[in-house]
Amino acid sequence: MPYAVDPDLIAYAMSMNAPPRTLAARDDWRTLREQAEAGLSLLDSSLPEHPEVARIDHTAVASDGTELLVRWYDPSPDRQLGPAAVFLHGGGMVLGSVAMYDRLVAGYVAGSGVPFLSVDYRVAPEHPHPTPVEDCFAGLQWLVEHADELRVDPARVAVMGDSAGGGLAAGVALLARDRDVAVARQILVYPMLDDRTTTPDPELAPYAAWSYDDNYTGWHALLGDAVGGPDVPYSAAPARATDLSGLPPTFIDTGELDIFRDECVEYARRISASGTSVELHVHSGCPHGFDRMPIPVADRAVADRVRVLRRL
């Protein structure tokens, strides 16, 4: 059977009557950033605000001394000592912010009862590797260092992110393993893991909400001319890691029509082969970013993530 987009997604897209997206040229990160940030802001503004979730802004210090915004989302003033998650926003390594994911993160917190720390990491090309992943790791360290005052059990801290944020969460989990920092679980939502995913698959390309050109743009901005070559470090592109042992229990989900599908499935397979528990979902008929649509498959995907958060 040929690929087909989920019919609920088609119906929703038709009801929106939105003009087709004008694709940014390969390597045009400025246009990609402008277009995608407008879309992210619009999507987040359409979500419930969840005023019952408190937002408190703090400052973490990056490895180079730069001050970073980290936003703490607390579901209840009466919350007892328990788990927490570090959340890393998406944006193809070149865009996005804590503000553009504010309501989405608050929704995870309201649904799960688990507090989140959202990290406003710096993005490429102004800040190439290793700055983004090191900023994210600094966010994890900040949470662990402030665990007592935030009523967090440092042995029950997860890392979570979507798209580029999922790739960064995977990179943080690898760094945490190698630097002896405890991570209880990694929750990777259609993560961007492999800088070599830049050659179009003719079967997937027509459905690519995040295109192969977009992917090259993001990876090239992060890695420069090292992209696709032999010397890309695993902290930048976790699919490059030769040793995936010692990672925390892992949740990965992706869409069947996402260009990240194969790298996500392979990453899940390799972690599982190392002896670590993995839960993998591939959602039929779904492209990248499908979970931002108010459709049943998106509801199921989010419910699975919330279930995993509740079990931290």
C-alpha atoms as a PDB file:
ATOM      1  CA  MET A   1       0.000   0.000   0.000  1.00  0.00           C
ATOM      2  CA  PRO A   2       1.326   3.495  -0.785  1.00  0.00           C
ATOM      3  CA  TYR A   3       1.790   6.074   1.952  1.00  0.00           C
ATOM      4  CA  ALA A   4      -1.255   8.170   2.823  1.00  0.00           C
ATOM      5  CA  VAL A   5      -1.680  11.120   5.174  1.00  0.00           C
ATOM      6  CA  ASP A   6      -3.916  10.522   8.190  1.00  0.00           C
ATOM      7  CA  PRO A   7      -7.445  11.481   7.050  1.00  0.00           C
ATOM      8  CA  ASP A   8      -8.127  13.507  10.202  1.00  0.00           C
ATOM      9  CA  LEU A   9      -5.032  15.588   9.483  1.00  0.00           C
ATOM     10  CA  ILE A  10      -6.189  16.199   5.911  1.00  0.00           C
ATOM     11  CA  ALA A  11      -9.617  17.268   7.131  1.00  0.00           C
ATOM     12  CA  TYR A  12      -8.116  19.652   9.671  1.00  0.00           C
ATOM     13  CA  ALA A  13      -5.727  21.174   7.131  1.00  0.00           C
ATOM     14  CA  MET A  14      -8.588  21.730   4.675  1.00  0.00           C
ATOM     15  CA  SER A  15     -10.687  23.387   7.374  1.00  0.00           C
ATOM     16  CA  MET A  16      -7.865  25.840   8.083  1.00  0.00           C
ATOM     17  CA  ASN A  17      -7.770  26.950   4.434  1.00  0.00           C
ATOM     18  CA  ALA A  18      -4.178  28.095   4.938  1.00  0.00           C
ATOM     19  CA  PRO A  19      -1.968  28.967   1.951  1.00  0.00           C
ATOM     20  CA  PRO A  20       0.787  26.463   1.149  1.00  0.00           C
ATOM     21  CA  ARG A  21       4.102  27.088   2.828  1.00  0.00           C
ATOM     22  CA  THR A  22       6.756  28.766   0.709  1.00  0.00           C
ATOM     23  CA  LEU A  23       9.873  26.663   1.176  1.00  0.00           C
ATOM     24  CA  ALA A  24      13.121  28.363   2.141  1.00  0.00           C
ATOM     25  CA  ALA A  25      16.034  27.711  -0.176  1.00  0.00           C
ATOM     26  CA  ARG A  26      18.693  25.250   0.931  1.00  0.00           C
ATOM     27  CA  ASP A  27      21.056  26.961   3.411  1.00  0.00           C
ATOM     28  CA  ASP A  28      18.790  30.019   3.791  1.00  0.00           C
ATOM     29  CA  TRP A  29      18.530  29.822   7.561  1.00  0.00           C
ATOM     30  CA  ARG A  30      17.276  33.401   7.884  1.00  0.00           C
ATOM     31  CA  THR A  31      14.128  32.754   5.849  1.00  0.00           C
ATOM     32  CA  LEU A  32      13.637  29.370   7.516  1.00  0.00           C
ATOM     33  CA  ARG A  33      13.882  31.012  10.930  1.00  0.00           C
ATOM     34  CA  GLU A  34      11.484  33.821  10.040  1.00  0.00           C
ATOM     35  CA  GLN A  35       8.844  31.507   8.606  1.00  0.00           C
ATOM     36  CA  ALA A  36       9.089  28.772  11.212  1.00  0.00           C
ATOM     37  CA  GLU A  37       9.121  31.092  14.215  1.00  0.00           C
ATOM     38  CA  ALA A  38       5.963  32.777  12.956  1.00  0.00           C
ATOM     39  CA  GLY A  39       4.357  29.346  12.673  1.00  0.00           C
ATOM     40  CA  LEU A  40       5.528  28.184  16.096  1.00  0.00           C
ATOM     41  CA  SER A  41       4.245  31.339  17.771  1.00  0.00           C
ATOM     42  CA  LEU A  42       0.876  30.976  16.078  1.00  0.00           C
ATOM     43  CA  LEU A  43       0.575  27.316  17.052  1.00  0.00           C
ATOM     44  CA  ASP A  44       1.478  27.961  20.672  1.00  0.00           C
ATOM     45  CA  SER A  45      -0.986  30.853  20.943  1.00  0.00           C
ATOM     46  CA  SER A  46      -3.772  28.490  19.874  1.00  0.00           C
ATOM     47  CA  LEU A  47      -3.184  26.191  22.860  1.00  0.00           C
ATOM     48  CA  PRO A  48      -4.764  26.547  26.317  1.00  0.00           C
ATOM     49  CA  GLU A  49      -2.753  28.876  28.538  1.00  0.00           C
ATOM     50  CA  HIS A  50      -3.029  26.731  31.709  1.00  0.00           C
ATOM     51  CA  PRO A  51      -2.874  29.608  34.197  1.00  0.00           C
ATOM     52  CA  GLU A  52      -2.919  27.054  37.014  1.00  0.00           C
ATOM     53  CA  VAL A  53       0.690  26.194  36.100  1.00  0.00           C
ATOM     54  CA  ALA A  54       3.088  28.685  37.682  1.00  0.00           C
ATOM     55  CA  ARG A  55       5.928  30.046  35.539  1.00  0.00           C
ATOM     56  CA  ILE A  56       9.059  31.318  37.278  1.00  0.00           C
ATOM     57  CA  ASP A  57      12.070  32.536  35.318  1.00  0.00           C
ATOM     58  CA  HIS A  58      15.566  31.804  36.586  1.00  0.00           C
ATOM     59  CA  THR A  59      19.088  32.196  35.237  1.00  0.00           C
ATOM     60  CA  ALA A  60      21.533  29.376  34.595  1.00  0.00           C
ATOM     61  CA  VAL A  61      25.150  29.942  33.636  1.00  0.00           C
ATOM     62  CA  ALA A  62      26.505  28.247  30.525  1.00  0.00           C
ATOM     63  CA  SER A  63      29.946  26.679  30.301  1.00  0.00           C
ATOM     64  CA  ASP A  64      31.319  29.864  28.685  1.00  0.00           C
ATOM     65  CA  GLY A  65      29.856  32.099  31.411  1.00  0.00           C
ATOM     66  CA  THR A  66      26.816  33.273  29.418  1.00  0.00           C
ATOM     67  CA  GLU A  67      23.595  33.682  31.398  1.00  0.00           C
ATOM     68  CA  LEU A  68      20.692  31.606  30.086  1.00  0.00           C
ATOM     69  CA  LEU A  69      16.979  31.909  30.748  1.00  0.00           C
ATOM     70  CA  VAL A  70      15.519  28.753  32.290  1.00  0.00           C
ATOM     71  CA  ARG A  71      11.784  28.784  32.973  1.00  0.00           C
ATOM     72  CA  TRP A  72      10.404  26.655  35.791  1.00  0.00           C
ATOM     73  CA  TYR A  73       6.841  25.328  35.354  1.00  0.00           C
ATOM     74  CA  ASP A  74       5.281  24.196  38.626  1.00  0.00           C
ATOM     75  CA  PRO A  75       1.876  22.467  38.599  1.00  0.00           C
ATOM     76  CA  SER A  76       1.024  22.969  42.278  1.00  0.00           C
ATOM     77  CA  PRO A  77       2.161  25.048  45.270  1.00  0.00           C
ATOM     78  CA  ASP A  78       1.473  21.993  47.454  1.00  0.00           C
ATOM     79  CA  ARG A  79       3.557  19.583  45.393  1.00  0.00           C
ATOM     80  CA  GLN A  80       5.693  17.157  47.386  1.00  0.00           C
ATOM     81  CA  LEU A  81       9.215  15.948  46.589  1.00  0.00           C
ATOM     82  CA  GLY A  82       9.103  14.160  43.251  1.00  0.00           C
ATOM     83  CA  PRO A  83      10.273  13.973  39.635  1.00  0.00           C
ATOM     84  CA  ALA A  84      10.941  16.721  37.115  1.00  0.00           C
ATOM     85  CA  ALA A  85      11.835  17.039  33.443  1.00  0.00           C
ATOM     86  CA  VAL A  86      14.209  19.281  31.526  1.00  0.00           C
ATOM     87  CA  PHE A  87      12.504  20.348  28.293  1.00  0.00           C
ATOM     88  CA  LEU A  88      14.339  21.427  25.140  1.00  0.00           C
ATOM     89  CA  HIS A  89      12.338  23.157  22.423  1.00  0.00           C
ATOM     90  CA  GLY A  90      12.433  22.302  18.745  1.00  0.00           C
ATOM     91  CA  GLY A  91      13.562  24.509  15.878  1.00  0.00           C
ATOM     92  CA  GLY A  92      15.934  22.664  13.591  1.00  0.00           C
ATOM     93  CA  MET A  93      18.968  23.930  15.547  1.00  0.00           C
ATOM     94  CA  VAL A  94      18.446  27.436  14.095  1.00  0.00           C
ATOM     95  CA  LEU A  95      15.291  28.818  15.709  1.00  0.00           C
ATOM     96  CA  GLY A  96      12.781  28.625  18.531  1.00  0.00           C
ATOM     97  CA  SER A  97      12.663  29.755  22.146  1.00  0.00           C
ATOM     98  CA  VAL A  98      11.147  29.045  25.533  1.00  0.00           C
ATOM     99  CA  ALA A  99       8.435  31.627  24.803  1.00  0.00           C
ATOM    100  CA  MET A 100       7.370  29.897  21.576  1.00  0.00           C
ATOM    101  CA  TYR A 101       6.798  26.654  23.504  1.00  0.00           C
ATOM    102  CA  ASP A 102       5.310  28.165  26.649  1.00  0.00           C
ATOM    103  CA  ARG A 103       1.757  26.834  26.398  1.00  0.00           C
ATOM    104  CA  LEU A 104       2.829  23.485  24.989  1.00  0.00           C
ATOM    105  CA  VAL A 105       5.138  22.921  27.969  1.00  0.00           C
ATOM    106  CA  ALA A 106       2.464  24.092  30.406  1.00  0.00           C
ATOM    107  CA  GLY A 107       0.133  21.518  28.861  1.00  0.00           C
ATOM    108  CA  TYR A 108       2.560  18.682  29.573  1.00  0.00           C
ATOM    109  CA  VAL A 109       2.945  19.931  33.139  1.00  0.00           C
ATOM    110  CA  ALA A 110      -0.808  20.269  33.690  1.00  0.00           C
ATOM    111  CA  GLY A 111      -1.464  16.838  32.205  1.00  0.00           C
ATOM    112  CA  SER A 112       1.240  14.954  34.043  1.00  0.00           C
ATOM    113  CA  GLY A 113       1.642  16.839  37.315  1.00  0.00           C
ATOM    114  CA  VAL A 114       5.403  16.822  36.700  1.00  0.00           C
ATOM    115  CA  PRO A 115       7.232  20.179  36.861  1.00  0.00           C
ATOM    116  CA  PHE A 116       9.397  21.164  33.893  1.00  0.00           C
ATOM    117  CA  LEU A 117      12.473  23.306  33.395  1.00  0.00           C
ATOM    118  CA  SER A 118      12.513  24.772  29.872  1.00  0.00           C
ATOM    119  CA  VAL A 119      15.951  25.900  28.670  1.00  0.00           C
ATOM    120  CA  ASP A 120      16.412  28.892  26.348  1.00  0.00           C
ATOM    121  CA  TYR A 121      19.534  27.516  24.681  1.00  0.00           C
ATOM    122  CA  ARG A 122      21.411  29.482  22.026  1.00  0.00           C
ATOM    123  CA  VAL A 123      20.983  28.422  18.398  1.00  0.00           C
ATOM    124  CA  ALA A 124      23.108  28.171  15.256  1.00  0.00           C
ATOM    125  CA  PRO A 125      24.587  29.559  13.108  1.00  0.00           C
ATOM    126  CA  GLU A 126      25.404  32.385  15.521  1.00  0.00           C
ATOM    127  CA  HIS A 127      26.168  29.698  18.105  1.00  0.00           C
ATOM    128  CA  PRO A 128      27.377  26.482  16.432  1.00  0.00           C
ATOM    129  CA  HIS A 129      28.155  23.191  18.142  1.00  0.00           C
ATOM    130  CA  PRO A 130      28.906  22.637  20.978  1.00  0.00           C
ATOM    131  CA  THR A 131      27.067  25.690  22.331  1.00  0.00           C
ATOM    132  CA  PRO A 132      23.446  24.437  21.981  1.00  0.00           C
ATOM    133  CA  VAL A 133      23.996  21.056  23.631  1.00  0.00           C
ATOM    134  CA  GLU A 134      26.278  22.509  26.315  1.00  0.00           C
ATOM    135  CA  ASP A 135      23.638  25.148  27.115  1.00  0.00           C
ATOM    136  CA  CYS A 136      21.080  22.363  27.484  1.00  0.00           C
ATOM    137  CA  PHE A 137      23.419  20.386  29.718  1.00  0.00           C
ATOM    138  CA  ALA A 138      23.884  23.516  31.835  1.00  0.00           C
ATOM    139  CA  GLY A 139      20.099  23.569  32.282  1.00  0.00           C
ATOM    140  CA  LEU A 140      20.174  19.982  33.553  1.00  0.00           C
ATOM    141  CA  GLN A 141      23.004  20.834  35.945  1.00  0.00           C
ATOM    142  CA  TRP A 142      21.115  23.892  37.214  1.00  0.00           C
ATOM    143  CA  LEU A 143      18.064  21.774  37.994  1.00  0.00           C
ATOM    144  CA  VAL A 144      20.104  19.154  39.826  1.00  0.00           C
ATOM    145  CA  GLU A 145      21.934  21.846  41.822  1.00  0.00           C
ATOM    146  CA  HIS A 146      18.613  23.480  42.819  1.00  0.00           C
ATOM    147  CA  ALA A 147      16.737  20.239  43.407  1.00  0.00           C
ATOM    148  CA  ASP A 148      16.184  20.774  47.133  1.00  0.00           C
ATOM    149  CA  GLU A 149      14.618  24.227  46.837  1.00  0.00           C
ATOM    150  CA  LEU A 150      12.465  23.092  43.882  1.00  0.00           C
ATOM    151  CA  ARG A 151      11.292  19.951  45.706  1.00  0.00           C
ATOM    152  CA  VAL A 152      12.806  17.670  43.073  1.00  0.00           C
ATOM    153  CA  ASP A 153      14.303  14.224  43.579  1.00  0.00           C
ATOM    154  CA  PRO A 154      17.559  14.450  41.577  1.00  0.00           C
ATOM    155  CA  ALA A 155      17.384  10.709  40.905  1.00  0.00           C
ATOM    156  CA  ARG A 156      14.079  11.205  39.049  1.00  0.00           C
ATOM    157  CA  VAL A 157      14.955  13.865  36.465  1.00  0.00           C
ATOM    158  CA  ALA A 158      14.147  13.222  32.789  1.00  0.00           C
ATOM    159  CA  VAL A 159      15.304  15.003  29.652  1.00  0.00           C
ATOM    160  CA  MET A 160      12.693  15.652  26.972  1.00  0.00           C
ATOM    161  CA  GLY A 161      12.470  17.535  23.698  1.00  0.00           C
ATOM    162  CA  ASP A 162      10.940  17.521  20.259  1.00  0.00           C
ATOM    163  CA  SER A 163      12.625  17.691  16.856  1.00  0.00           C
ATOM    164  CA  ALA A 164      15.946  19.519  17.331  1.00  0.00           C
ATOM    165  CA  GLY A 165      15.144  19.587  21.040  1.00  0.00           C
ATOM    166  CA  GLY A 166      14.760  15.817  20.947  1.00  0.00           C
ATOM    167  CA  GLY A 167      18.184  15.510  19.361  1.00  0.00           C
ATOM    168  CA  LEU A 168      19.625  17.842  21.975  1.00  0.00           C
ATOM    169  CA  ALA A 169      17.940  15.827  24.739  1.00  0.00           C
ATOM    170  CA  ALA A 170      19.593  12.703  23.332  1.00  0.00           C
ATOM    171  CA  GLY A 171      22.920  14.551  23.280  1.00  0.00           C
ATOM    172  CA  VAL A 172      22.433  15.693  26.873  1.00  0.00           C
ATOM    173  CA  ALA A 173      21.671  12.111  27.942  1.00  0.00           C
ATOM    174  CA  LEU A 174      24.934  10.954  26.353  1.00  0.00           C
ATOM    175  CA  LEU A 175      26.911  13.756  28.000  1.00  0.00           C
ATOM    176  CA  ALA A 176      25.235  13.035  31.338  1.00  0.00           C
ATOM    177  CA  ARG A 177      26.207   9.373  31.068  1.00  0.00           C
ATOM    178  CA  ASP A 178      29.812  10.287  30.331  1.00  0.00           C
ATOM    179  CA  ARG A 179      29.955  13.011  33.011  1.00  0.00           C
ATOM    180  CA  ASP A 180      28.268  10.899  35.690  1.00  0.00           C
ATOM    181  CA  VAL A 181      25.090  12.968  36.034  1.00  0.00           C
ATOM    182  CA  ALA A 182      21.950  10.932  36.720  1.00  0.00           C
ATOM    183  CA  VAL A 183      19.139  11.030  34.138  1.00  0.00           C
ATOM    184  CA  ALA A 184      16.089   8.902  34.902  1.00  0.00           C
ATOM    185  CA  ARG A 185      14.589   8.781  31.387  1.00  0.00           C
ATOM    186  CA  GLN A 186      14.892  10.359  27.956  1.00  0.00           C
ATOM    187  CA  ILE A 187      11.690  11.254  26.118  1.00  0.00           C
ATOM    188  CA  LEU A 188      12.490  11.973  22.480  1.00  0.00           C
ATOM    189  CA  VAL A 189       9.709  13.329  20.283  1.00  0.00           C
ATOM    190  CA  TYR A 190      10.568  12.876  16.580  1.00  0.00           C
ATOM    191  CA  PRO A 191      14.178  13.735  17.462  1.00  0.00           C
ATOM    192  CA  MET A 192      16.699  15.201  15.003  1.00  0.00           C
ATOM    193  CA  LEU A 193      19.558  12.742  15.471  1.00  0.00           C
ATOM    194  CA  ASP A 194      21.577  12.321  12.278  1.00  0.00           C
ATOM    195  CA  ASP A 195      23.297  15.006  10.189  1.00  0.00           C
ATOM    196  CA  ARG A 196      23.479  12.561   7.253  1.00  0.00           C
ATOM    197  CA  THR A 197      19.710  12.681   6.630  1.00  0.00           C
ATOM    198  CA  THR A 198      19.982  15.167   3.774  1.00  0.00           C
ATOM    199  CA  THR A 199      19.523  13.013   0.641  1.00  0.00           C
ATOM    200  CA  PRO A 200      15.823  12.887  -0.296  1.00  0.00           C
ATOM    201  CA  ASP A 201      13.926   9.617  -0.082  1.00  0.00           C
ATOM    202  CA  PRO A 202      11.584   9.936  -3.087  1.00  0.00           C
ATOM    203  CA  GLU A 203       8.829   8.093  -1.214  1.00  0.00           C
ATOM    204  CA  LEU A 204       8.938  10.409   1.799  1.00  0.00           C
ATOM    205  CA  ALA A 205       9.901  13.728   0.232  1.00  0.00           C
ATOM    206  CA  PRO A 206       6.366  14.665  -0.953  1.00  0.00           C
ATOM    207  CA  TYR A 207       5.103  14.468   2.662  1.00  0.00           C
ATOM    208  CA  ALA A 208       8.023  16.219   4.366  1.00  0.00           C
ATOM    209  CA  ALA A 209       6.746  19.019   6.592  1.00  0.00           C
ATOM    210  CA  TRP A 210      10.413  19.474   7.549  1.00  0.00           C
ATOM    211  CA  SER A 211      12.185  18.969   4.237  1.00  0.00           C
ATOM    212  CA  TYR A 212      15.563  17.509   3.376  1.00  0.00           C
ATOM    213  CA  ASP A 213      16.718  21.009   2.397  1.00  0.00           C
ATOM    214  CA  ASP A 214      15.522  22.331   5.761  1.00  0.00           C
ATOM    215  CA  ASN A 215      17.438  19.548   7.442  1.00  0.00           C
ATOM    216  CA  TYR A 216      20.639  20.371   5.593  1.00  0.00           C
ATOM    217  CA  THR A 217      20.190  24.022   6.498  1.00  0.00           C
ATOM    218  CA  GLY A 218      19.874  23.206  10.187  1.00  0.00           C
ATOM    219  CA  TRP A 219      22.755  20.760  10.320  1.00  0.00           C
ATOM    220  CA  HIS A 220      25.047  22.937   8.194  1.00  0.00           C
ATOM    221  CA  ALA A 221      24.359  25.900  10.475  1.00  0.00           C
ATOM    222  CA  LEU A 222      25.248  23.785  13.515  1.00  0.00           C
ATOM    223  CA  LEU A 223      28.265  21.923  12.122  1.00  0.00           C
ATOM    224  CA  GLY A 224      29.588  24.034   9.269  1.00  0.00           C
ATOM    225  CA  ASP A 225      31.413  22.121   6.560  1.00  0.00           C
ATOM    226  CA  ALA A 226      31.833  19.105   8.864  1.00  0.00           C
ATOM    227  CA  VAL A 227      28.186  18.178   8.161  1.00  0.00           C
ATOM    228  CA  GLY A 228      27.899  14.671   6.751  1.00  0.00           C
ATOM    229  CA  GLY A 229      31.624  14.044   7.132  1.00  0.00           C
ATOM    230  CA  PRO A 230      33.538  11.557   9.272  1.00  0.00           C
ATOM    231  CA  ASP A 231      34.338  13.815  12.213  1.00  0.00           C
ATOM    232  CA  VAL A 232      30.940  14.803  13.609  1.00  0.00           C
ATOM    233  CA  PRO A 233      30.838  14.224  17.394  1.00  0.00           C
ATOM    234  CA  TYR A 234      28.035  12.212  18.965  1.00  0.00           C
ATOM    235  CA  SER A 235      27.125  15.095  21.280  1.00  0.00           C
ATOM    236  CA  ALA A 236      26.099  17.032  18.159  1.00  0.00           C
ATOM    237  CA  ALA A 237      24.467  14.159  16.241  1.00  0.00           C
ATOM    238  CA  PRO A 238      23.633  11.322  18.656  1.00  0.00           C
ATOM    239  CA  ALA A 239      23.175   8.836  15.814  1.00  0.00           C
ATOM    240  CA  ARG A 240      26.965   9.044  15.427  1.00  0.00           C
ATOM    241  CA  ALA A 241      27.541   7.475  18.853  1.00  0.00           C
ATOM    242  CA  THR A 242      29.210   4.082  18.588  1.00  0.00           C
ATOM    243  CA  ASP A 243      28.345   3.133  22.179  1.00  0.00           C
ATOM    244  CA  LEU A 244      24.749   3.557  23.354  1.00  0.00           C
ATOM    245  CA  SER A 245      25.092   1.511  26.524  1.00  0.00           C
ATOM    246  CA  GLY A 246      24.405   3.062  29.893  1.00  0.00           C
ATOM    247  CA  LEU A 247      21.614   5.361  28.734  1.00  0.00           C
ATOM    248  CA  PRO A 248      18.389   5.772  30.716  1.00  0.00           C
ATOM    249  CA  PRO A 249      15.121   4.060  29.735  1.00  0.00           C
ATOM    250  CA  THR A 250      14.031   5.666  26.487  1.00  0.00           C
ATOM    251  CA  PHE A 251      10.778   6.738  24.863  1.00  0.00           C
ATOM    252  CA  ILE A 252      10.818   7.690  21.179  1.00  0.00           C
ATOM    253  CA  ASP A 253       7.946   8.564  18.899  1.00  0.00           C
ATOM    254  CA  THR A 254       7.868   9.736  15.304  1.00  0.00           C
ATOM    255  CA  GLY A 255       5.568   9.961  12.329  1.00  0.00           C
ATOM    256  CA  GLU A 256       5.597   7.454   9.492  1.00  0.00           C
ATOM    257  CA  LEU A 257       5.939  10.327   7.009  1.00  0.00           C
ATOM    258  CA  ASP A 258       8.676  12.172   8.906  1.00  0.00           C
ATOM    259  CA  ILE A 259      12.131  12.260   7.306  1.00  0.00           C
ATOM    260  CA  PHE A 260      13.488  11.490  10.802  1.00  0.00           C
ATOM    261  CA  ARG A 261      11.569   8.198  10.932  1.00  0.00           C
ATOM    262  CA  ASP A 262      14.406   5.850   9.969  1.00  0.00           C
ATOM    263  CA  GLU A 263      17.008   7.486  12.204  1.00  0.00           C
ATOM    264  CA  CYS A 264      14.559   7.368  15.128  1.00  0.00           C
ATOM    265  CA  VAL A 265      13.762   3.697  14.582  1.00  0.00           C
ATOM    266  CA  GLU A 266      17.444   2.822  14.221  1.00  0.00           C
ATOM    267  CA  TYR A 267      18.366   4.779  17.355  1.00  0.00           C
ATOM    268  CA  ALA A 268      15.658   2.954  19.293  1.00  0.00           C
ATOM    269  CA  ARG A 269      16.876  -0.401  17.939  1.00  0.00           C
ATOM    270  CA  ARG A 270      20.477   0.276  18.895  1.00  0.00           C
ATOM    271  CA  ILE A 271      19.614   1.446  22.419  1.00  0.00           C
ATOM    272  CA  SER A 272      17.463  -1.639  22.882  1.00  0.00           C
ATOM    273  CA  ALA A 273      20.295  -3.856  21.626  1.00  0.00           C
ATOM    274  CA  SER A 274      22.518  -2.385  24.349  1.00  0.00           C
ATOM    275  CA  GLY A 275      20.174  -3.779  27.003  1.00  0.00           C
ATOM    276  CA  THR A 276      18.217  -0.611  27.791  1.00  0.00           C
ATOM    277  CA  SER A 277      14.415  -0.520  27.855  1.00  0.00           C
ATOM    278  CA  VAL A 278      12.925   1.353  24.877  1.00  0.00           C
ATOM    279  CA  GLU A 279       9.359   2.273  23.979  1.00  0.00           C
ATOM    280  CA  LEU A 280       8.990   3.212  20.301  1.00  0.00           C
ATOM    281  CA  HIS A 281       5.936   4.544  18.441  1.00  0.00           C
ATOM    282  CA  VAL A 282       5.689   5.171  14.699  1.00  0.00           C
ATOM    283  CA  HIS A 283       2.406   6.912  13.950  1.00  0.00           C
ATOM    284  CA  SER A 284       0.879   5.897  10.636  1.00  0.00           C
ATOM    285  CA  GLY A 285       0.099   8.650   8.145  1.00  0.00           C
ATOM    286  CA  CYS A 286       1.793  11.380  10.174  1.00  0.00           C
ATOM    287  CA  PRO A 287       4.448  13.891   9.036  1.00  0.00           C
ATOM    288  CA  HIS A 288       6.787  15.934  11.203  1.00  0.00           C
ATOM    289  CA  GLY A 289       4.954  18.088  13.736  1.00  0.00           C
ATOM    290  CA  PHE A 290       1.689  16.152  13.466  1.00  0.00           C
ATOM    291  CA  ASP A 291       1.115  16.393  17.209  1.00  0.00           C
ATOM    292  CA  ARG A 292       0.461  20.135  16.996  1.00  0.00           C
ATOM    293  CA  MET A 293      -2.859  19.440  15.242  1.00  0.00           C
ATOM    294  CA  PRO A 294      -6.121  18.873  17.196  1.00  0.00           C
ATOM    295  CA  ILE A 295      -6.669  15.379  15.762  1.00  0.00           C
ATOM    296  CA  PRO A 296      -7.101  11.956  17.433  1.00  0.00           C
ATOM    297  CA  VAL A 297      -3.642  10.595  16.566  1.00  0.00           C
ATOM    298  CA  ALA A 298      -2.055  13.679  18.134  1.00  0.00           C
ATOM    299  CA  ASP A 299      -4.155  13.190  21.268  1.00  0.00           C
ATOM    300  CA  ARG A 300      -2.961   9.583  21.484  1.00  0.00           C
ATOM    301  CA  ALA A 301       0.676  10.582  21.032  1.00  0.00           C
ATOM    302  CA  VAL A 302       0.525  13.247  23.723  1.00  0.00           C
ATOM    303  CA  ALA A 303      -1.298  10.867  26.075  1.00  0.00           C
ATOM    304  CA  ASP A 304       1.544   8.358  25.712  1.00  0.00           C
ATOM    305  CA  ARG A 305       4.129  11.007  26.603  1.00  0.00           C
ATOM    306  CA  VAL A 306       2.082  12.114  29.609  1.00  0.00           C
ATOM    307  CA  ARG A 307       1.783   8.485  30.729  1.00  0.00           C
ATOM    308  CA  VAL A 308       5.569   8.129  30.639  1.00  0.00           C
ATOM    309  CA  LEU A 309       6.026  11.394  32.573  1.00  0.00           C
ATOM    310  CA  ARG A 310       3.595  10.239  35.274  1.00  0.00           C
ATOM    311  CA  ARG A 311       5.716   7.115  35.789  1.00  0.00           C
ATOM    312  CA  LEU A 312       8.943   9.002  36.484  1.00  0.00           C
END
